[in-house]
Every structure is written in C-alpha cells, then in structure tokens.
Amino acid sequence: MKTNWLITAAGAAALAVMGAAYAGNLSPKELDPLVKSGRVLPLDRLMDAALLEHEGGHIKDGGGVKDTKGGYIYEVEVTDRKGEEWDMAIDATTGALLKDEKD
C-alpha cells in the first residue's frame, strides 16, 4: 500500500513540474489565429530572430509565446557555437530583442 502512495505522489509531482514549465505559453490553437491576423510572427521567424544574435548557434529549448499584459513575448534558450547557453526574450509581434542573458 505504501508503494502505491509513493507512485501516486511521484506522478502528481511530475505533473505539477511539467505544468509549471508550460504555464503561460499559448497553445497552437491559441497561437494560430494570432499569427494569421499578424499580431504574432510565425515561430520560424521568431527562431530566426533569436539565432541572428548567436550566429552558428541552435535552439536548445523553443520555450513558447506568452501572452503578457504588455504584449506577446517569445522566450527561448539558445546554445551558441561555443556551447554557451543564452536565455532570450523576443517581442513576438515585432521580432525585437528584449532580453539576451548568458545562462
């Protein structure tokens, strides 16, 4: 009986962590009309904007687009060609760089 309780607790903890990681990101269903209306750039253009800052790098974690009170923000983690990781935030409407911090 104790084992079942531990498995249930571990499963609940994993779901809570996963939920927290994705909290606030728009789903594809929510994002699609925003892209079609021009309020948000397509994800490939947002990824390109991030990689322009770290030429030769790659997207480590695509994060997602968040709806904030000030607009839409694309958060992403990029690994540069030296293997250094960067936390970035890009305005999802204009593609402007808002944050570029070494992790």
Protein backbone atom coordinates (compact mmCIF):
# COMPACT_ATOMS: atom_id res chain seq x y z
CA MET A 1 0.00 0.00 0.00
CA LYS A 2 2.88 2.37 0.80
CA THR A 3 4.37 1.81 -2.67
CA ASN A 4 1.12 2.81 -4.41
CA TRP A 5 1.02 6.04 -2.41
CA LEU A 6 4.64 6.85 -3.35
CA ILE A 7 3.98 6.21 -7.04
CA THR A 8 0.89 8.43 -6.93
CA ALA A 9 2.80 11.21 -5.13
CA ALA A 10 5.69 10.98 -7.62
CA GLY A 11 3.28 11.15 -10.55
CA ALA A 12 1.50 14.17 -9.09
CA ALA A 13 4.82 15.94 -8.51
CA ALA A 14 5.94 15.26 -12.09
CA LEU A 15 2.68 16.66 -13.48
CA ALA A 16 3.00 19.76 -11.30
CA VAL A 17 6.54 20.42 -12.53
CA MET A 18 5.56 19.88 -16.17
CA GLY A 19 2.56 22.13 -15.77
CA ALA A 20 4.67 24.88 -14.23
CA ALA A 21 7.15 24.65 -17.10
CA TYR A 22 4.44 25.27 -19.66
CA ALA A 23 2.29 27.66 -17.65
CA GLY A 24 1.50 30.78 -19.59
CA ASN A 25 2.58 29.55 -23.02
CA LEU A 26 -0.04 29.84 -25.71
CA SER A 27 -1.22 26.58 -27.23
CA PRO A 28 -1.02 26.08 -31.01
CA LYS A 29 -4.82 26.53 -31.11
CA GLU A 30 -4.48 29.94 -29.41
CA LEU A 31 -1.40 30.94 -31.41
CA ASP A 32 -2.71 30.14 -34.91
CA PRO A 33 -5.30 32.95 -35.15
CA LEU A 34 -2.77 35.45 -33.75
CA VAL A 35 -0.26 34.51 -36.46
CA LYS A 36 -2.93 34.63 -39.18
CA SER A 37 -4.06 38.09 -38.03
CA GLY A 38 -0.47 39.39 -37.95
CA ARG A 39 -0.47 40.08 -34.21
CA VAL A 40 2.28 37.47 -33.70
CA LEU A 41 5.11 36.47 -36.04
CA PRO A 42 5.32 32.81 -37.12
CA LEU A 43 7.55 30.67 -34.87
CA ASP A 44 10.14 30.12 -37.61
CA ARG A 45 10.66 33.89 -37.90
CA LEU A 46 10.94 34.21 -34.11
CA MET A 47 13.53 31.42 -34.03
CA ASP A 48 15.45 33.10 -36.84
CA ALA A 49 15.44 36.37 -34.87
CA ALA A 50 16.95 34.56 -31.87
CA LEU A 51 19.61 32.85 -33.96
CA LEU A 52 20.64 36.14 -35.60
CA GLU A 53 22.04 37.18 -32.23
CA HIS A 54 24.09 33.99 -31.87
CA GLU A 55 25.23 33.05 -35.35
CA GLY A 56 26.12 29.37 -35.67
CA GLY A 57 24.05 28.52 -32.59
CA HIS A 58 20.97 26.39 -32.25
CA ILE A 59 17.70 26.45 -30.37
CA LYS A 60 18.04 24.39 -27.20
CA ASP A 61 14.54 24.96 -25.88
CA GLY A 62 11.95 26.69 -28.04
CA GLY A 63 10.06 27.81 -24.96
CA GLY A 64 6.95 29.38 -26.36
CA VAL A 65 4.93 32.50 -26.84
CA LYS A 66 3.44 34.02 -23.71
CA ASP A 67 0.60 36.49 -23.51
CA THR A 68 1.69 39.24 -21.14
CA LYS A 69 -0.09 42.44 -20.23
CA GLY A 70 2.39 44.30 -22.41
CA GLY A 71 2.02 42.07 -25.46
CA TYR A 72 3.30 38.72 -26.71
CA ILE A 73 6.78 37.51 -25.78
CA TYR A 74 8.70 34.59 -27.30
CA GLU A 75 11.02 33.02 -24.73
CA VAL A 76 13.78 30.74 -25.97
CA GLU A 77 17.08 29.18 -24.90
CA VAL A 78 19.90 29.25 -27.45
CA THR A 79 23.23 27.43 -27.35
CA ASP A 80 25.91 29.33 -29.26
CA ARG A 81 28.71 27.75 -31.27
CA LYS A 82 30.98 27.80 -28.19
CA GLY A 83 28.41 25.77 -26.23
CA GLU A 84 27.35 28.70 -24.03
CA GLU A 85 23.65 28.95 -23.22
CA TRP A 86 21.59 32.12 -23.50
CA ASP A 87 18.12 32.96 -22.18
CA MET A 88 16.37 35.19 -24.67
CA ALA A 89 13.08 37.05 -24.92
CA ILE A 90 11.83 38.42 -28.21
CA ASP A 91 8.82 40.61 -28.87
CA ALA A 92 6.59 38.17 -30.73
CA THR A 93 4.88 40.98 -32.67
CA THR A 94 7.93 42.86 -33.95
CA GLY A 95 10.81 40.39 -33.57
CA ALA A 96 12.74 42.92 -31.44
CA LEU A 97 15.21 41.53 -28.91
CA LEU A 98 14.07 42.21 -25.34
CA LYS A 99 16.47 40.05 -23.32
CA ASP A 100 19.71 38.20 -24.11
CA GLU A 101 21.34 36.91 -20.94
CA LYS A 102 24.04 34.32 -20.53
CA ASP A 103 22.68 31.36 -18.57
